[in-house]
Amino acid sequence: MKQQTSATSETQVKGKNIIDFTGKTIYVGIDVHLKDYQVAKVYEGICLGNHRMESNADKVIEHLHRHYPGAHFKCVYESSAWGFNLQRKLSAAAMECIVVHAADVSTSDKERKRKTDKVDALKLARSLASGDLKGIHVPDETIQKERTLIRYRKNVVNDINRSKNRLKSLLKYQGIEIPEAYSKSNWSSNFMKWVEQQAAKDDLLKDSLELMLEQVKLLRLQLLKVEKKLGALRNGKYAAKAQLAMSVPGIGPTTAMLFLLEVGDIGRFRGFDALNDFIGLCPDTASSGEKDRDTGITTRRHKQLRTALVEAAWQAIRNDPALLESYQLLTKRMKGSQAIIRIARKLLRRLRAVLLSGKPYQKGVIA
């Protein structure tokens, strides 16, 4: 029987942890943090090392080459707030690297209860070696930077809504009733003038109301600047694709740019089902034995895109007779909230079709 070689004895040559790994594949699991990385190396089921080091891609590359010369490296880490910079640097150094969704890494009960960085890094390396991991899409660096604009727009809109709610809450708390004409969520210039009048009536509340109102005005100006930048991008580099997307009923300029920037190359999806899984307009199921249970729309989704497409679907049924007819038929056997998800799925199918074919959508066609 062949004697198993330990990691220590295998890598010791003249007191140094250096041997020739030419032609061998080492699987590297990296647990990524802000200040440091936990790096586990696995070869043929043996853990060669599990070390903590500075969060620096160049030092990881240097460490792997120095300790395992000639080896071929396959690396993996979980997606996080630090993006894809590590993946790009490792790939540039001729090291295969994938980024995985944390929810796709299987975890035992023991690993959950005794969770450490070492456990996580080693689990990643061994899961990669066994072929259990599938990487998520790593976007082109250019489109990754361009999409920050549409995401910043979402942040500004959220800030505006919070500022408005904060001001209205103050009025309510102080017993100042908002007239029925101004109770809608959309703020008119007349409403803002009314707030200024309320501030002028009360010296004690004046400063707070004026400062809150000023914040809303500044944020609205900021949103206007963002819209102009997005418009320039939409009418420039993305003009042709944006026009195709906006030919689909319900798809406006903002939703078109959101879709183009977040999805990127539509051809990277093998088919409609793969795209639908990415957006999240499909149901989850729970199956056990002979029982199959539909658990409703999936919780795994691109939150902003799915929300935008559902909102677009409500607009679409008002503008496209074919979609309205389809919606009415669906509501005979399900709730309206369920039916609109299916209309959103139809919109997604149309978006994919027009972008792949390069031909605008023909209104009134049922598919």
Protein backbone atom coordinates (compact mmCIF):
# COMPACT_ATOMS: atom_id res chain seq x y z
CA MET A 1 0.00 0.00 0.00
CA LYS A 2 1.37 3.38 -0.97
CA GLN A 3 2.25 5.51 2.02
CA GLN A 4 0.43 8.86 2.09
CA THR A 5 2.72 11.84 2.00
CA SER A 6 1.96 14.64 4.43
CA ALA A 7 1.85 18.23 3.34
CA THR A 8 4.83 19.02 5.54
CA SER A 9 7.16 16.26 4.31
CA GLU A 10 6.17 16.81 0.69
CA THR A 11 7.12 20.46 0.66
CA GLN A 12 10.30 20.32 2.73
CA VAL A 13 13.56 20.53 0.74
CA LYS A 14 16.72 21.47 2.66
CA GLY A 15 14.64 23.08 5.38
CA LYS A 16 12.76 25.27 2.90
CA ASN A 17 9.14 25.03 1.87
CA ILE A 18 10.03 24.89 -1.84
CA ILE A 19 9.63 22.02 -4.32
CA ASP A 20 8.88 21.75 -8.01
CA PHE A 21 5.12 21.79 -8.62
CA THR A 22 5.44 21.90 -12.40
CA GLY A 23 2.36 20.41 -14.04
CA LYS A 24 0.42 20.22 -10.78
CA THR A 25 -2.80 22.10 -10.09
CA ILE A 26 -3.25 23.81 -6.75
CA TYR A 27 -6.69 25.02 -5.70
CA VAL A 28 -6.70 28.28 -3.78
CA GLY A 29 -9.60 29.47 -1.63
CA ILE A 30 -9.47 33.11 -0.52
CA ASP A 31 -11.62 34.54 2.26
CA VAL A 32 -11.60 38.24 1.44
CA HIS A 33 -11.69 40.99 4.04
CA LEU A 34 -10.85 44.68 4.09
CA LYS A 35 -7.49 44.44 5.87
CA ASP A 36 -6.44 40.86 5.20
CA TYR A 37 -7.01 37.69 3.20
CA GLN A 38 -7.20 34.13 4.49
CA VAL A 39 -5.61 31.96 1.79
CA ALA A 40 -5.98 28.17 1.76
CA LYS A 41 -4.10 25.96 -0.74
CA VAL A 42 -5.23 22.41 -1.57
CA TYR A 43 -3.46 19.79 -3.71
CA GLU A 44 -4.98 16.32 -4.22
CA GLY A 45 -7.10 16.69 -1.08
CA ILE A 46 -4.15 17.77 1.08
CA CYS A 47 -4.14 21.24 2.63
CA LEU A 48 -0.70 22.67 1.85
CA GLY A 49 -1.27 25.76 3.94
CA ASN A 50 -3.91 28.10 5.29
CA HIS A 51 -2.39 31.50 5.97
CA ARG A 52 -3.57 35.01 6.76
CA MET A 53 -1.87 37.76 4.79
CA GLU A 54 -2.27 41.38 3.85
CA SER A 55 -5.15 42.19 1.51
CA ASN A 56 -2.90 42.80 -1.45
CA ALA A 57 -3.31 40.90 -4.72
CA ASP A 58 0.35 41.31 -5.70
CA LYS A 59 1.49 39.74 -2.42
CA VAL A 60 -0.88 36.81 -2.91
CA ILE A 61 0.56 36.23 -6.39
CA GLU A 62 4.14 36.52 -5.11
CA HIS A 63 3.39 34.12 -2.22
CA LEU A 64 1.91 31.45 -4.48
CA HIS A 65 4.73 31.61 -7.03
CA ARG A 66 7.42 31.58 -4.36
CA HIS A 67 6.08 28.61 -2.37
CA TYR A 68 4.67 26.56 -5.27
CA PRO A 69 6.91 27.23 -8.30
CA GLY A 70 5.71 25.90 -11.63
CA ALA A 71 2.20 25.09 -10.39
CA HIS A 72 -1.02 25.93 -12.16
CA PHE A 73 -3.36 27.81 -9.83
CA LYS A 74 -7.14 27.79 -9.75
CA CYS A 75 -8.49 30.39 -7.32
CA VAL A 76 -11.89 31.28 -5.93
CA TYR A 77 -13.41 33.82 -3.58
CA GLU A 78 -16.91 34.97 -2.68
CA SER A 79 -18.41 38.12 -4.18
CA SER A 80 -18.23 41.04 -1.79
CA ALA A 81 -18.09 44.82 -1.47
CA TRP A 82 -14.53 44.75 -2.86
CA GLY A 83 -15.70 43.79 -6.33
CA PHE A 84 -13.64 42.03 -8.97
CA ASN A 85 -10.23 43.71 -8.68
CA LEU A 86 -8.64 40.64 -7.11
CA GLN A 87 -10.06 38.39 -9.83
CA ARG A 88 -8.71 40.64 -12.58
CA LYS A 89 -5.22 40.80 -11.07
CA LEU A 90 -5.03 37.04 -10.55
CA SER A 91 -6.25 36.42 -14.10
CA ALA A 92 -3.66 38.88 -15.44
CA ALA A 93 -1.01 36.81 -13.63
CA ALA A 94 -2.17 33.69 -15.56
CA MET A 95 -4.01 32.29 -12.54
CA GLU A 96 -7.53 31.04 -13.16
CA CYS A 97 -9.93 32.74 -10.80
CA ILE A 98 -13.68 32.68 -10.38
CA VAL A 99 -15.95 34.67 -8.10
CA VAL A 100 -18.89 32.82 -6.56
CA HIS A 101 -22.13 33.87 -4.91
CA ALA A 102 -21.91 33.16 -1.19
CA ALA A 103 -25.27 31.38 -1.24
CA ASP A 104 -23.92 28.89 -3.80
CA VAL A 105 -21.24 27.56 -1.45
CA SER A 106 -22.61 24.53 0.38
CA THR A 107 -22.07 24.61 4.14
CA SER A 108 -22.45 21.85 6.72
CA ASP A 109 -24.08 22.41 10.10
CA LYS A 110 -20.68 22.00 11.77
CA GLU A 111 -19.15 24.67 9.54
CA ARG A 112 -21.98 27.08 10.34
CA LYS A 113 -21.56 26.58 14.09
CA ARG A 114 -17.76 26.74 14.03
CA LYS A 115 -17.34 29.38 11.39
CA THR A 116 -13.85 30.88 11.09
CA ASP A 117 -11.87 32.48 8.27
CA LYS A 118 -9.71 29.34 8.04
CA VAL A 119 -12.77 27.13 7.72
CA ASP A 120 -14.25 29.38 5.02
CA ALA A 121 -11.06 29.59 2.95
CA LEU A 122 -10.44 25.83 3.10
CA LYS A 123 -14.07 25.10 2.24
CA LEU A 124 -13.79 27.30 -0.86
CA ALA A 125 -10.58 25.58 -1.99
CA ARG A 126 -11.97 22.07 -1.51
CA SER A 127 -15.31 22.91 -3.15
CA LEU A 128 -13.44 24.29 -6.16
CA ALA A 129 -11.27 21.17 -6.36
CA SER A 130 -14.33 18.92 -6.31
CA GLY A 131 -16.00 20.91 -9.11
CA ASP A 132 -18.94 22.03 -6.96
CA LEU A 133 -18.56 25.77 -7.64
CA LYS A 134 -19.74 27.82 -10.58
CA GLY A 135 -18.53 31.37 -10.96
CA ILE A 136 -20.76 34.38 -11.45
CA HIS A 137 -20.34 36.71 -14.41
CA VAL A 138 -17.41 39.12 -14.08
CA PRO A 139 -18.40 42.28 -15.97
CA ASP A 140 -16.19 44.17 -18.37
CA GLU A 141 -14.36 46.86 -16.42
CA THR A 142 -15.73 49.62 -18.67
CA ILE A 143 -19.39 48.72 -18.21
CA GLN A 144 -18.80 48.15 -14.50
CA LYS A 145 -17.70 51.77 -14.18
CA GLU A 146 -20.49 53.08 -16.43
CA ARG A 147 -23.19 51.35 -14.40
CA THR A 148 -22.14 53.25 -11.27
CA LEU A 149 -24.03 56.22 -12.72
CA ILE A 150 -27.40 54.42 -12.85
CA ARG A 151 -26.79 53.02 -9.37
CA TYR A 152 -25.91 56.48 -8.05
CA ARG A 153 -29.18 57.75 -9.52
CA LYS A 154 -31.03 55.19 -7.39
CA ASN A 155 -29.18 56.42 -4.29
CA VAL A 156 -30.08 60.05 -5.02
CA VAL A 157 -33.76 59.15 -5.55
CA ASN A 158 -33.75 57.30 -2.21
CA ASP A 159 -32.13 60.29 -0.50
CA ILE A 160 -34.80 62.59 -1.93
CA ASN A 161 -37.60 60.34 -0.69
CA ARG A 162 -36.06 60.13 2.77
CA SER A 163 -35.65 63.91 2.93
CA LYS A 164 -39.25 64.46 1.89
CA ASN A 165 -40.56 61.97 4.44
CA ARG A 166 -38.42 63.55 7.14
CA LEU A 167 -39.90 66.99 6.43
CA LYS A 168 -43.47 65.69 6.31
CA SER A 169 -42.93 63.80 9.57
CA LEU A 170 -41.78 67.02 11.23
CA LEU A 171 -44.88 68.85 10.04
CA LYS A 172 -47.09 66.06 11.35
CA TYR A 173 -45.25 65.91 14.69
CA GLN A 174 -45.65 69.66 15.17
CA GLY A 175 -49.38 69.47 14.41
CA ILE A 176 -49.20 71.25 11.05
CA GLU A 177 -51.72 69.64 8.72
CA ILE A 178 -50.83 69.39 5.05
CA PRO A 179 -53.68 70.58 2.81
CA GLU A 180 -55.38 67.89 0.74
CA ALA A 181 -54.16 69.50 -2.49
CA TYR A 182 -50.54 68.86 -1.39
CA SER A 183 -50.97 65.39 0.11
CA LYS A 184 -49.72 63.56 -2.98
CA SER A 185 -46.22 62.09 -3.07
CA ASN A 186 -45.13 64.33 -5.96
CA TRP A 187 -43.94 67.66 -4.66
CA SER A 188 -45.09 70.67 -6.64
CA SER A 189 -43.54 74.13 -6.52
CA ASN A 190 -46.73 75.34 -4.84
CA PHE A 191 -46.25 72.84 -2.02
CA MET A 192 -42.66 73.98 -1.48
CA LYS A 193 -43.89 77.59 -1.33
CA TRP A 194 -46.48 76.50 1.23
CA VAL A 195 -43.73 74.95 3.38
CA GLU A 196 -41.79 78.23 3.20
CA GLN A 197 -44.91 80.05 4.37
CA GLN A 198 -45.23 77.72 7.36
CA ALA A 199 -41.59 78.36 8.20
CA ALA A 200 -42.16 82.11 8.09
CA LYS A 201 -45.05 81.81 10.56
CA ASP A 202 -43.01 80.13 13.32
CA ASP A 203 -39.58 81.48 14.30
CA LEU A 204 -38.82 78.36 16.35
CA LEU A 205 -39.45 75.99 13.44
CA LYS A 206 -38.15 78.27 10.72
CA ASP A 207 -34.53 77.10 10.69
CA SER A 208 -35.39 73.39 10.70
CA LEU A 209 -38.00 73.66 7.94
CA GLU A 210 -35.84 75.86 5.73
CA LEU A 211 -32.80 73.59 6.08
CA MET A 212 -34.85 70.48 5.30
CA LEU A 213 -36.41 72.16 2.30
CA GLU A 214 -33.01 73.31 1.11
CA GLN A 215 -31.75 69.72 1.27
CA VAL A 216 -34.62 68.54 -0.92
CA LYS A 217 -33.90 71.27 -3.47
CA LEU A 218 -30.18 70.44 -3.57
CA LEU A 219 -30.88 66.73 -4.05
CA ARG A 220 -33.31 67.47 -6.85
CA LEU A 221 -30.65 69.53 -8.59
CA GLN A 222 -28.21 66.64 -8.12
CA LEU A 223 -30.73 64.24 -9.67
CA LEU A 224 -31.12 66.58 -12.63
CA LYS A 225 -27.34 66.50 -13.20
CA VAL A 226 -27.35 62.70 -13.05
CA GLU A 227 -30.21 62.53 -15.55
CA LYS A 228 -28.27 64.75 -17.96
CA LYS A 229 -25.19 62.51 -17.68
CA LEU A 230 -27.34 59.42 -18.27
CA GLY A 231 -29.00 61.12 -21.22
CA ALA A 232 -25.62 61.83 -22.78
CA LEU A 233 -24.63 58.18 -22.35
CA ARG A 234 -27.97 56.98 -23.71
CA ASN A 235 -27.82 59.24 -26.77
CA GLY A 236 -24.17 58.47 -27.40
CA LYS A 237 -22.56 55.07 -26.94
CA TYR A 238 -25.83 53.25 -26.19
CA ALA A 239 -28.06 55.11 -28.66
CA ALA A 240 -28.89 52.16 -30.95
CA LYS A 241 -29.56 49.64 -28.17
CA ALA A 242 -31.49 52.17 -26.09
CA GLN A 243 -33.83 52.89 -29.01
CA LEU A 244 -34.45 49.18 -29.47
CA ALA A 245 -35.19 48.72 -25.76
CA MET A 246 -37.52 51.74 -25.64
CA SER A 247 -39.54 50.34 -28.57
CA VAL A 248 -40.92 47.78 -26.10
CA PRO A 249 -44.13 49.09 -24.41
CA GLY A 250 -43.56 50.30 -20.86
CA ILE A 251 -39.79 50.63 -21.22
CA GLY A 252 -38.74 54.24 -20.71
CA PRO A 253 -35.29 55.87 -20.96
CA THR A 254 -34.26 55.13 -17.36
CA THR A 255 -35.39 51.50 -17.42
CA ALA A 256 -33.70 51.00 -20.79
CA MET A 257 -30.36 52.26 -19.47
CA LEU A 258 -30.75 50.27 -16.26
CA PHE A 259 -31.27 47.10 -18.29
CA LEU A 260 -28.40 47.75 -20.71
CA LEU A 261 -25.89 48.67 -18.00
CA GLU A 262 -26.80 45.94 -15.51
CA VAL A 263 -27.22 43.09 -18.01
CA GLY A 264 -24.37 44.04 -20.33
CA ASP A 265 -23.98 41.66 -23.25
CA ILE A 266 -27.36 39.95 -23.69
CA GLY A 267 -25.63 37.20 -25.66
CA ARG A 268 -23.82 35.92 -22.57
CA PHE A 269 -27.01 34.17 -21.46
CA ARG A 270 -27.54 30.74 -23.00
CA GLY A 271 -31.25 31.39 -23.43
CA PHE A 272 -34.25 33.20 -22.02
CA ASP A 273 -34.44 30.99 -18.92
CA ALA A 274 -30.90 31.93 -17.91
CA LEU A 275 -31.72 35.63 -18.30
CA ASN A 276 -34.98 35.16 -16.40
CA ASP A 277 -33.09 33.47 -13.55
CA PHE A 278 -30.73 36.46 -13.39
CA ILE A 279 -33.60 38.98 -13.20
CA GLY A 280 -35.66 36.80 -10.85
CA LEU A 281 -39.06 36.61 -12.58
CA CYS A 282 -39.38 32.88 -11.94
CA PRO A 283 -40.85 30.84 -9.05
CA ASP A 284 -39.00 28.85 -6.43
CA THR A 285 -40.15 25.29 -5.74
CA ALA A 286 -39.83 22.86 -2.87
CA SER A 287 -39.99 19.18 -3.80
CA SER A 288 -39.97 16.19 -1.45
CA GLY A 289 -40.97 12.70 -2.51
CA GLU A 290 -44.19 12.96 -4.50
CA LYS A 291 -44.97 16.45 -3.24
CA ASP A 292 -44.11 19.55 -5.27
CA ARG A 293 -44.83 22.95 -3.76
CA ASP A 294 -44.58 26.33 -5.47
CA THR A 295 -43.10 28.75 -2.92
CA GLY A 296 -43.81 31.87 -4.96
CA ILE A 297 -41.52 34.20 -6.86
CA THR A 298 -37.84 33.59 -6.18
CA THR A 299 -35.97 35.55 -3.52
CA ARG A 300 -32.83 35.38 -5.67
CA ARG A 301 -33.08 38.27 -8.07
CA HIS A 302 -31.60 41.48 -9.34
CA LYS A 303 -33.73 43.63 -7.06
CA GLN A 304 -33.61 46.90 -8.99
CA LEU A 305 -34.11 45.32 -12.41
CA ARG A 306 -37.01 43.14 -11.32
CA THR A 307 -38.75 46.08 -9.65
CA ALA A 308 -38.24 48.24 -12.75
CA LEU A 309 -39.65 45.56 -15.09
CA VAL A 310 -42.73 45.02 -12.91
CA GLU A 311 -43.36 48.78 -12.88
CA ALA A 312 -42.85 48.81 -16.66
CA ALA A 313 -45.40 45.99 -16.98
CA TRP A 314 -48.09 48.13 -15.33
CA GLN A 315 -47.37 50.85 -17.88
CA ALA A 316 -47.29 48.38 -20.75
CA ILE A 317 -50.81 47.03 -20.21
CA ARG A 318 -52.09 50.60 -20.51
CA ASN A 319 -50.40 51.11 -23.87
CA ASP A 320 -50.43 47.73 -25.60
CA PRO A 321 -53.85 46.12 -26.31
CA ALA A 322 -52.28 42.67 -26.72
CA LEU A 323 -50.64 42.83 -23.29
CA LEU A 324 -53.84 44.19 -21.73
CA GLU A 325 -55.80 41.28 -23.18
CA SER A 326 -53.22 38.84 -21.88
CA TYR A 327 -53.36 40.44 -18.42
CA GLN A 328 -57.16 40.27 -18.31
CA LEU A 329 -57.12 36.57 -19.22
CA LEU A 330 -54.56 35.88 -16.50
CA THR A 331 -56.58 37.69 -13.82
CA LYS A 332 -59.45 35.25 -14.36
CA ARG A 333 -57.38 32.51 -12.72
CA MET A 334 -54.98 34.39 -10.44
CA LYS A 335 -54.45 37.60 -8.51
CA GLY A 336 -53.50 40.77 -10.35
CA SER A 337 -50.15 40.88 -8.52
CA GLN A 338 -49.35 37.41 -9.88
CA ALA A 339 -50.58 38.23 -13.36
CA ILE A 340 -48.38 41.31 -13.64
CA ILE A 341 -45.28 39.17 -12.96
CA ARG A 342 -46.14 37.15 -16.05
CA ILE A 343 -46.58 40.34 -18.07
CA ALA A 344 -43.17 41.49 -16.83
CA ARG A 345 -41.77 38.18 -18.03
CA LYS A 346 -43.26 38.85 -21.47
CA LEU A 347 -41.58 42.27 -21.50
CA LEU A 348 -38.29 40.63 -20.63
CA ARG A 349 -38.71 38.17 -23.49
CA ARG A 350 -39.39 41.07 -25.86
CA LEU A 351 -36.39 43.01 -24.61
CA ARG A 352 -34.15 40.03 -25.24
CA ALA A 353 -35.66 39.49 -28.71
CA VAL A 354 -35.22 43.08 -29.93
CA LEU A 355 -31.66 43.33 -28.62
CA LEU A 356 -30.63 40.04 -30.23
CA SER A 357 -32.36 40.68 -33.54
CA GLY A 358 -31.65 44.39 -33.81
CA LYS A 359 -35.26 44.97 -34.88
CA PRO A 360 -37.71 47.22 -32.96
CA TYR A 361 -40.66 45.64 -31.18
CA GLN A 362 -43.94 45.49 -33.14
CA LYS A 363 -46.75 46.69 -30.92
CA GLY A 364 -49.77 44.43 -30.62
CA VAL A 365 -47.96 41.11 -31.02
CA ILE A 366 -48.73 38.46 -28.41
CA ALA A 367 -45.89 36.15 -27.36
